[in-house]
N, C-alpha and C. Protein backbone atom coordinates (compact mmCIF):
# COMPACT_ATOMS: atom_id res chain seq x y z
N LEU A 1 70.77 9.27 100.99
CA LEU A 1 71.95 9.28 101.69
C LEU A 1 73.10 9.42 100.71
N ARG A 2 74.08 9.76 101.18
CA ARG A 2 75.24 9.93 100.25
C ARG A 2 76.03 8.53 100.28
N ILE A 3 76.72 8.36 99.34
CA ILE A 3 77.54 6.88 99.04
C ILE A 3 79.03 7.49 99.00
N ALA A 4 79.90 7.41 99.86
CA ALA A 4 81.43 7.52 99.85
C ALA A 4 82.13 6.11 99.45
N VAL A 5 82.69 6.46 98.45
CA VAL A 5 83.81 5.18 97.89
C VAL A 5 85.51 5.71 97.98
N ASN A 6 86.06 5.36 98.67
CA ASN A 6 87.65 5.18 98.52
C ASN A 6 88.11 4.72 97.41
N VAL A 7 89.07 5.56 96.52
CA VAL A 7 89.50 5.17 95.27
C VAL A 7 91.06 5.09 95.89
N SER A 8 91.67 4.06 95.16
CA SER A 8 93.15 3.91 95.25
C SER A 8 93.73 4.88 94.06
N ALA A 9 95.02 4.73 94.53
CA ALA A 9 96.09 5.54 93.40
C ALA A 9 95.91 4.90 92.11
N ARG A 10 95.95 3.50 92.36
CA ARG A 10 96.04 2.77 91.06
C ARG A 10 94.94 3.08 90.15
N GLN A 11 93.63 2.82 91.00
CA GLN A 11 92.47 3.02 90.39
C GLN A 11 92.27 4.42 89.54
N PHE A 12 92.71 5.27 90.31
CA PHE A 12 92.61 6.83 89.83
C PHE A 12 93.55 7.03 88.74
N ARG A 13 94.32 6.16 88.84
CA ARG A 13 95.64 6.42 87.08
C ARG A 13 95.15 5.73 86.11
N ASP A 14 94.31 4.77 86.56
CA ASP A 14 93.68 4.26 85.08
C ASP A 14 93.16 4.83 84.12
N PRO A 15 93.54 5.01 82.80
CA PRO A 15 93.02 6.04 81.84
C PRO A 15 91.64 6.09 81.53
N GLY A 16 90.82 4.73 81.79
CA GLY A 16 89.21 4.59 81.79
C GLY A 16 88.87 5.09 83.02
N PHE A 17 89.20 5.62 84.35
CA PHE A 17 88.71 5.14 85.46
C PHE A 17 87.36 6.28 85.45
N ALA A 18 87.32 7.35 84.82
CA ALA A 18 86.08 8.58 84.75
C ALA A 18 85.19 7.66 83.92
N GLU A 19 85.24 6.91 82.78
CA GLU A 19 84.53 6.20 82.32
C GLU A 19 83.70 5.03 83.22
N THR A 20 84.77 4.57 84.15
CA THR A 20 84.24 3.43 84.91
C THR A 20 83.28 3.67 85.76
N VAL A 21 83.67 5.01 86.09
CA VAL A 21 82.63 5.68 87.45
C VAL A 21 81.04 6.15 86.46
N GLU A 22 81.46 6.20 85.38
CA GLU A 22 80.17 6.69 84.80
C GLU A 22 79.26 5.39 84.54
N ARG A 23 79.87 4.48 84.05
CA ARG A 23 79.41 3.14 83.91
C ARG A 23 78.49 2.64 85.09
N ALA A 24 79.37 2.73 86.23
CA ALA A 24 78.90 2.14 87.46
C ALA A 24 77.70 3.42 87.99
N LEU A 25 77.82 4.53 87.68
CA LEU A 25 76.69 5.36 88.08
C LEU A 25 75.37 4.75 87.59
N ARG A 26 75.13 4.42 86.02
CA ARG A 26 74.24 4.23 85.30
C ARG A 26 73.84 2.98 85.63
N ALA A 27 74.77 1.72 86.19
CA ALA A 27 74.39 0.67 86.17
C ALA A 27 73.71 0.64 87.68
N ALA A 28 74.14 1.12 88.76
CA ALA A 28 73.16 1.58 89.75
C ALA A 28 72.41 2.45 89.72
N GLU A 29 71.90 3.12 88.77
CA GLU A 29 71.23 4.15 89.09
C GLU A 29 71.34 5.19 90.12
N LEU A 30 72.52 5.72 90.09
CA LEU A 30 72.90 6.55 91.31
C LEU A 30 72.86 7.90 90.98
N ASP A 31 72.11 8.75 91.32
CA ASP A 31 72.26 10.20 91.17
C ASP A 31 74.02 10.54 91.45
N PRO A 32 74.83 11.18 90.53
CA PRO A 32 75.92 11.59 90.56
C PRO A 32 76.39 12.44 92.01
N GLY A 33 75.39 13.33 92.30
CA GLY A 33 75.57 14.39 93.29
C GLY A 33 75.52 13.73 94.56
N ARG A 34 74.98 12.23 94.69
CA ARG A 34 75.28 11.69 96.16
C ARG A 34 76.25 10.89 95.76
N LEU A 35 77.14 10.90 95.07
CA LEU A 35 78.54 10.00 95.38
C LEU A 35 79.65 11.00 95.27
N ASP A 36 80.31 10.80 96.54
CA ASP A 36 81.27 10.95 96.83
C ASP A 36 82.67 9.94 96.87
N LEU A 37 83.49 10.76 95.97
CA LEU A 37 84.91 9.78 95.54
C LEU A 37 86.08 10.10 96.80
N GLU A 38 86.49 9.62 97.51
CA GLU A 38 87.43 9.71 98.50
C GLU A 38 89.03 9.46 97.89
N LEU A 39 89.99 10.57 98.07
CA LEU A 39 91.04 10.49 97.26
C LEU A 39 91.73 11.06 98.39
N THR A 40 92.87 10.03 98.70
CA THR A 40 94.05 10.82 99.46
C THR A 40 94.74 12.17 99.05
N GLU A 41 95.59 12.57 99.78
CA GLU A 41 96.21 13.96 99.52
C GLU A 41 97.15 13.60 98.44
N GLY A 42 97.97 12.68 98.62
CA GLY A 42 99.02 11.72 97.56
C GLY A 42 98.34 11.80 96.16
N ILE A 43 97.30 11.28 96.21
CA ILE A 43 96.98 11.38 94.78
C ILE A 43 96.52 12.53 94.17
N LEU A 44 96.02 13.48 94.71
CA LEU A 44 95.64 14.78 94.64
C LEU A 44 96.64 15.71 94.10
N VAL A 45 97.96 15.58 94.97
CA VAL A 45 99.32 16.47 94.46
C VAL A 45 100.10 15.88 93.65
N GLU A 46 99.73 14.32 93.56
CA GLU A 46 100.70 13.85 92.60
C GLU A 46 100.23 14.03 91.21
N LYS A 47 101.33 14.33 90.34
CA LYS A 47 100.93 14.28 88.81
C LYS A 47 99.86 15.11 88.95
N ARG A 48 99.73 16.56 89.25
CA ARG A 48 98.71 17.64 89.61
C ARG A 48 97.88 17.72 88.45
N GLU A 49 98.59 18.37 87.32
CA GLU A 49 97.93 18.30 86.09
C GLU A 49 97.13 17.28 85.52
N GLU A 50 97.82 16.00 85.62
CA GLU A 50 96.71 14.85 85.17
C GLU A 50 95.77 14.77 86.16
N ALA A 51 95.95 14.95 87.30
CA ALA A 51 94.98 14.90 88.50
C ALA A 51 93.81 15.88 87.92
N VAL A 52 94.19 16.75 87.89
CA VAL A 52 93.00 18.03 87.51
C VAL A 52 92.05 17.60 86.54
N VAL A 53 92.81 16.86 85.49
CA VAL A 53 91.79 16.59 84.12
C VAL A 53 90.82 15.55 84.52
N ILE A 54 91.63 14.55 85.22
CA ILE A 54 90.49 13.49 85.65
C ILE A 54 89.43 14.20 86.66
N LEU A 55 89.82 14.95 87.62
CA LEU A 55 88.87 15.50 88.39
C LEU A 55 87.68 16.22 87.93
N LYS A 56 88.11 17.02 86.68
CA LYS A 56 87.24 17.79 86.16
C LYS A 56 86.25 16.76 85.22
N ARG A 57 86.67 15.53 84.59
CA ARG A 57 85.94 14.72 84.08
C ARG A 57 84.63 14.32 85.15
N LEU A 58 84.94 13.80 86.38
CA LEU A 58 84.29 13.51 87.13
C LEU A 58 83.68 14.02 87.93
N LYS A 59 83.89 15.82 88.20
CA LYS A 59 83.19 17.00 88.32
C LYS A 59 82.05 17.12 87.30
N ALA A 60 82.31 16.81 86.08
CA ALA A 60 81.25 17.31 85.05
C ALA A 60 80.48 16.33 85.18
N LEU A 61 80.51 14.91 85.51
CA LEU A 61 79.53 14.18 85.74
C LEU A 61 78.57 14.32 86.88
N GLY A 62 78.94 15.26 87.66
CA GLY A 62 78.34 15.48 89.05
C GLY A 62 78.84 14.78 90.22
N VAL A 63 79.63 14.16 90.18
CA VAL A 63 80.26 13.52 91.43
C VAL A 63 80.96 14.47 92.33
N GLN A 64 80.65 14.19 93.37
CA GLN A 64 81.76 15.16 94.75
C GLN A 64 82.90 14.50 95.00
N ILE A 65 84.15 15.06 95.02
CA ILE A 65 85.43 14.88 95.54
C ILE A 65 85.73 15.45 96.92
N ALA A 66 86.20 13.98 97.82
CA ALA A 66 87.08 14.47 98.98
C ALA A 66 88.29 14.01 99.06
N ALA A 67 88.58 15.11 99.77
CA ALA A 67 90.24 15.17 100.39
C ALA A 67 90.40 14.10 101.25
N ASP A 68 90.79 12.66 101.11
CA ASP A 68 90.70 12.11 102.55
C ASP A 68 91.81 11.91 103.58
N ASP A 69 91.74 11.69 104.64
CA ASP A 69 92.65 12.05 105.53
C ASP A 69 93.50 13.10 105.50
N PHE A 70 92.93 14.52 105.49
CA PHE A 70 93.58 15.50 105.40
C PHE A 70 94.40 16.22 106.76
N GLY A 71 95.58 16.27 106.21
CA GLY A 71 96.49 16.76 107.16
C GLY A 71 97.59 15.74 107.49
N THR A 72 97.55 14.66 107.19
CA THR A 72 98.69 13.52 107.30
C THR A 72 99.25 13.39 106.02
N GLY A 73 98.92 13.64 104.98
CA GLY A 73 99.99 13.49 103.76
C GLY A 73 100.82 14.74 103.53
N TYR A 74 100.42 15.11 102.51
CA TYR A 74 101.58 16.43 101.64
C TYR A 74 100.84 17.47 102.43
N SER A 75 99.51 17.58 102.72
CA SER A 75 99.36 19.01 103.21
C SER A 75 99.49 20.21 102.61
N SER A 76 99.65 20.08 101.33
CA SER A 76 100.04 21.13 100.52
C SER A 76 98.92 22.45 100.63
N LEU A 77 98.33 23.42 100.96
CA LEU A 77 97.15 24.34 100.86
C LEU A 77 97.24 24.61 99.68
N SER A 78 98.11 24.49 98.70
CA SER A 78 98.03 25.05 97.39
C SER A 78 97.08 24.29 96.66
N TYR A 79 97.22 23.00 96.88
CA TYR A 79 95.68 22.28 95.95
C TYR A 79 94.49 22.47 96.60
N LEU A 80 94.22 23.19 97.53
CA LEU A 80 92.83 23.23 97.87
C LEU A 80 92.19 24.27 96.96
N SER A 81 93.12 25.47 96.39
CA SER A 81 92.32 26.31 95.54
C SER A 81 92.45 25.91 94.28
N ARG A 82 93.37 25.00 93.93
CA ARG A 82 93.68 24.63 92.32
C ARG A 82 92.94 23.38 91.82
N LEU A 83 92.50 22.59 92.93
CA LEU A 83 91.99 21.26 92.44
C LEU A 83 90.27 21.54 92.79
N PRO A 84 89.42 20.90 91.73
CA PRO A 84 88.16 21.05 92.13
C PRO A 84 87.76 19.46 93.22
N ILE A 85 88.00 20.08 94.55
CA ILE A 85 87.35 19.19 95.64
C ILE A 85 86.06 19.87 96.37
N ASP A 86 85.11 19.13 97.10
CA ASP A 86 84.18 19.43 97.61
C ASP A 86 83.92 19.44 98.95
N CYS A 87 85.02 18.14 99.62
CA CYS A 87 85.00 18.08 100.88
C CYS A 87 86.32 17.71 101.33
N LEU A 88 86.50 18.17 102.61
CA LEU A 88 87.91 17.86 103.54
C LEU A 88 87.51 16.66 104.47
N LYS A 89 88.27 15.64 104.72
CA LYS A 89 88.00 14.54 105.79
C LYS A 89 89.19 14.66 106.66
N ILE A 90 88.63 15.07 108.01
CA ILE A 90 89.71 15.39 109.07
C ILE A 90 90.23 13.87 109.60
N ASP A 91 91.48 13.73 109.20
CA ASP A 91 91.95 12.31 109.81
C ASP A 91 91.66 11.82 111.30
N ARG A 92 91.70 10.86 111.35
CA ARG A 92 91.12 10.12 112.84
C ARG A 92 92.59 10.48 113.60
N SER A 93 93.54 10.54 113.10
CA SER A 93 94.61 10.65 114.21
C SER A 93 94.55 11.82 114.75
N PHE A 94 93.49 12.96 114.56
CA PHE A 94 93.56 14.39 114.95
C PHE A 94 92.34 14.43 115.70
N VAL A 95 91.03 13.44 115.51
CA VAL A 95 90.17 13.24 116.27
C VAL A 95 90.40 12.18 117.57
N ARG A 96 90.95 11.62 117.19
CA ARG A 96 91.40 10.47 118.66
C ARG A 96 92.10 11.31 119.59
N GLU A 97 92.73 12.24 119.24
CA GLU A 97 93.54 12.98 120.83
C GLU A 97 92.45 14.57 120.91
N LEU A 98 91.41 14.98 120.30
CA LEU A 98 90.96 15.79 120.32
C LEU A 98 90.57 16.54 121.84
N GLU A 99 90.23 15.50 122.63
CA GLU A 99 90.02 15.69 124.12
C GLU A 99 91.06 15.96 124.62
N THR A 100 92.26 15.76 124.43
CA THR A 100 93.48 15.30 125.52
C THR A 100 94.89 16.22 124.64
N SER A 101 94.78 16.50 123.52
CA SER A 101 95.66 17.51 122.81
C SER A 101 95.17 18.85 122.63
N GLY A 102 95.98 19.59 123.32
CA GLY A 102 95.38 21.17 122.57
C GLY A 102 95.92 21.37 121.27
N ASP A 103 96.99 20.70 120.87
CA ASP A 103 97.56 20.94 119.50
C ASP A 103 96.42 20.41 118.54
N ASN A 104 96.03 19.39 118.52
CA ASN A 104 95.19 18.67 117.98
C ASN A 104 94.22 19.17 117.73
N ALA A 105 93.27 19.29 119.15
CA ALA A 105 92.21 20.60 118.91
C ALA A 105 92.51 21.79 118.07
N ALA A 106 93.48 22.40 118.16
CA ALA A 106 93.84 23.72 117.20
C ALA A 106 93.74 23.48 116.10
N ILE A 107 94.02 22.14 115.29
CA ILE A 107 94.55 21.60 113.99
C ILE A 107 93.15 21.52 113.15
N VAL A 108 92.38 20.64 114.36
CA VAL A 108 90.94 20.48 114.11
C VAL A 108 89.88 21.63 113.68
N ALA A 109 90.19 22.66 114.81
CA ALA A 109 89.35 23.88 114.28
C ALA A 109 89.93 24.61 113.04
N ALA A 110 91.19 24.32 112.56
CA ALA A 110 91.60 25.40 111.58
C ALA A 110 91.25 24.49 110.59
N ILE A 111 91.05 23.34 110.53
CA ILE A 111 90.41 22.37 109.05
C ILE A 111 89.09 23.11 109.14
N ILE A 112 88.25 23.00 110.05
CA ILE A 112 86.87 23.23 110.04
C ILE A 112 86.85 24.63 109.61
N ALA A 113 87.12 25.44 110.38
CA ALA A 113 87.31 27.02 109.97
C ALA A 113 87.60 27.27 108.53
N MET A 114 88.80 26.51 108.00
CA MET A 114 89.00 26.80 106.59
C MET A 114 88.35 26.11 105.24
N SER A 115 87.72 25.21 106.01
CA SER A 115 86.62 24.20 105.42
C SER A 115 85.60 25.25 104.94
N LYS A 116 85.15 25.69 106.00
CA LYS A 116 84.09 26.87 106.03
C LYS A 116 84.43 27.97 105.00
N SER A 117 85.42 28.14 105.17
CA SER A 117 85.82 29.58 104.42
C SER A 117 86.13 29.25 102.80
N LEU A 118 86.40 28.39 102.67
CA LEU A 118 86.65 27.69 101.22
C LEU A 118 85.16 27.17 100.84
N LYS A 119 84.14 27.04 101.80
CA LYS A 119 83.29 26.61 101.14
C LYS A 119 83.07 24.94 100.87
N LEU A 120 83.96 24.33 101.75
CA LEU A 120 83.90 22.70 101.67
C LEU A 120 83.09 21.96 102.30
N ARG A 121 82.80 21.04 102.39
CA ARG A 121 82.38 20.39 103.44
C ARG A 121 83.20 19.69 104.11
N VAL A 122 83.16 19.35 105.40
CA VAL A 122 84.26 18.78 106.16
C VAL A 122 83.76 17.70 106.95
N VAL A 123 84.47 16.43 107.09
CA VAL A 123 83.64 15.50 107.83
C VAL A 123 84.69 15.11 108.44
N ALA A 124 84.58 14.71 109.85
CA ALA A 124 85.61 13.97 110.73
C ALA A 124 85.46 12.84 110.68
N GLU A 125 86.73 12.11 110.72
CA GLU A 125 86.47 10.53 110.78
C GLU A 125 87.03 9.76 112.00
N GLY A 126 86.89 8.65 112.44
CA GLY A 126 87.40 8.25 113.68
C GLY A 126 86.49 8.55 114.98
N VAL A 127 85.39 9.20 115.25
CA VAL A 127 84.89 9.66 116.16
C VAL A 127 84.20 8.54 117.00
N GLU A 128 84.78 8.45 118.18
CA GLU A 128 84.58 7.30 118.78
C GLU A 128 83.75 7.52 120.30
N THR A 129 83.81 8.55 120.47
CA THR A 129 83.24 9.08 121.97
C THR A 129 82.37 10.34 121.58
N GLN A 130 81.51 10.19 123.07
CA GLN A 130 80.56 11.45 123.16
C GLN A 130 81.15 12.73 123.14
N GLY A 131 82.15 12.95 123.75
CA GLY A 131 82.95 14.27 124.11
C GLY A 131 83.67 14.83 122.56
N GLN A 132 84.38 13.65 121.83
CA GLN A 132 84.48 13.72 120.43
C GLN A 132 83.46 14.54 119.80
N MET A 133 82.26 13.97 119.55
CA MET A 133 81.15 14.24 118.61
C MET A 133 80.74 15.55 119.20
N THR A 134 80.27 16.18 120.46
CA THR A 134 80.06 17.10 121.25
C THR A 134 80.79 18.07 120.66
N ARG A 135 82.27 18.20 120.91
CA ARG A 135 83.37 19.13 120.44
C ARG A 135 83.39 19.24 119.00
N LEU A 136 83.37 18.49 118.37
CA LEU A 136 83.31 18.73 116.67
C LEU A 136 82.01 19.48 116.33
N PHE A 137 81.20 19.04 116.87
CA PHE A 137 79.62 19.83 116.69
C PHE A 137 79.73 21.32 117.17
N ASP A 138 80.32 21.42 118.33
CA ASP A 138 80.63 22.93 118.87
C ASP A 138 81.25 23.64 118.17
N GLN A 139 82.57 22.71 117.18
CA GLN A 139 83.42 23.63 115.87
C GLN A 139 82.34 23.89 114.94
N GLY A 140 81.69 23.47 114.54
CA GLY A 140 80.83 23.66 113.64
C GLY A 140 80.64 22.45 112.53
N CYS A 141 81.18 21.26 112.85
CA CYS A 141 81.49 20.18 112.18
C CYS A 141 80.36 19.25 112.25
N GLN A 142 79.44 19.21 111.42
CA GLN A 142 78.24 18.63 111.45
C GLN A 142 78.12 16.99 110.73
N LEU A 143 79.28 16.59 110.02
CA LEU A 143 79.27 15.38 109.27
C LEU A 143 80.32 14.63 110.11
N MET A 144 80.26 13.44 110.61
CA MET A 144 81.31 12.81 111.31
C MET A 144 81.06 11.34 110.91
N GLN A 145 81.97 10.50 111.18
CA GLN A 145 81.69 8.86 110.79
C GLN A 145 83.10 8.11 112.35
N GLY A 146 82.34 7.17 112.43
CA GLY A 146 83.18 6.39 113.59
C GLY A 146 82.50 5.33 114.29
N PHE A 147 83.33 4.67 115.01
CA PHE A 147 82.62 3.90 115.90
C PHE A 147 81.67 4.27 116.89
N LEU A 148 81.45 5.78 117.32
CA LEU A 148 80.49 5.98 117.88
C LEU A 148 79.32 5.75 117.10
N PHE A 149 78.90 6.06 115.90
CA PHE A 149 77.86 5.73 115.29
C PHE A 149 77.73 4.01 114.93
N SER A 150 78.85 3.54 114.19
CA SER A 150 78.18 2.05 113.80
C SER A 150 79.93 1.67 113.77
N PRO A 151 80.27 0.06 114.14
CA PRO A 151 81.30 -0.31 113.53
C PRO A 151 81.05 -0.64 111.68
N ALA A 152 81.87 -1.03 111.21
CA ALA A 152 82.10 -1.33 109.79
C ALA A 152 80.94 -2.67 109.57
N VAL A 153 79.88 -2.93 108.80
CA VAL A 153 79.13 -3.73 108.40
C VAL A 153 78.98 -4.43 107.12
N PRO A 154 78.95 -5.40 107.30
CA PRO A 154 78.38 -6.24 105.72
C PRO A 154 77.40 -5.33 104.85
N GLY A 155 78.02 -5.30 103.51
CA GLY A 155 76.49 -4.59 102.76
C GLY A 155 75.10 -5.06 103.10
N GLY A 156 75.20 -6.19 103.37
CA GLY A 156 73.85 -6.79 103.55
C GLY A 156 73.13 -6.58 104.76
N ASP A 157 73.99 -5.91 105.71
CA ASP A 157 73.44 -5.47 106.92
C ASP A 157 73.22 -3.82 106.92
N PHE A 158 73.72 -3.08 106.05
CA PHE A 158 73.36 -1.66 105.86
C PHE A 158 72.09 -0.99 106.14
N HIS A 159 71.03 -1.69 105.10
CA HIS A 159 69.77 -1.45 105.27
C HIS A 159 69.11 -1.46 106.59
N GLY A 160 69.29 -2.97 107.78
CA GLY A 160 68.87 -3.04 108.84
C GLY A 160 69.66 -1.57 109.79
N LEU A 161 70.84 -1.17 109.09
CA LEU A 161 71.55 -0.48 110.48
C LEU A 161 70.91 1.00 109.93
N ILE A 162 70.47 1.56 109.12
CA ILE A 162 69.89 2.59 108.82
C ILE A 162 68.84 2.69 109.25
N ARG A 163 67.76 1.56 109.06
CA ARG A 163 66.11 1.49 109.54
C ARG A 163 66.59 1.63 111.42
N ASN A 164 67.46 1.40 111.73
CA ASN A 164 67.14 0.97 113.17
C ASN A 164 68.04 2.45 113.93
N ALA A 165 68.78 3.20 112.73
CA ALA A 165 69.32 4.49 113.51
C ALA A 165 68.10 5.51 113.66
N ALA A 166 67.25 5.55 113.32
CA ALA A 166 66.30 6.47 113.52
C ALA A 166 66.01 6.44 115.27
N GLY A 167 66.01 5.49 115.56
CA GLY A 167 65.67 5.48 117.12
C GLY A 167 67.06 5.97 118.21
N ARG A 168 68.42 6.10 117.79
CA ARG A 168 69.26 6.56 118.76
C ARG A 168 69.14 7.84 119.18
N GLN A 169 69.63 8.05 120.48
CA GLN A 169 69.04 9.04 121.28
C GLN A 169 70.41 9.97 121.19
N HIS A 170 71.44 9.11 121.19
CA HIS A 170 72.98 9.71 121.84
C HIS A 170 73.71 10.55 120.65
N TRP A 171 72.65 10.54 119.44
CA TRP A 171 73.55 11.37 118.24
C TRP A 171 72.48 11.62 117.17
């Protein structure tokens, strides 16, 4: 399993952030390649030079970097080629209207195609219906999250959720 952690701007700007991540990985005995740190576009493009230094330190640890809520913030495409990121997360606002809005469907298709061209993983956020899942899958998006699969659960319930997921047929 991969573990994804949302990182706030305040956490990311902490001078010891990379060391904190490294200590947490050691303490949890977690393979760094299984950790995705999710950062919003604003964090990634604000003070870009400083962000690049921190991101390179995190990448040296083996951590994966995801651009969260892609398409809703600055959406500066120039950072995609300049920052060491591994994944784009399609914001739920586009997924929500995927079946009813031709514009949103086009944006989602473009993000998926762009991700593939840049060799980035793509994750769709906020998947709530079978129709959304099918449409995303047909467009080549194989990683999704949302209430279709499960609502948020307390950490103690996670093991049971994963154990019971094997029998689900709708996804």
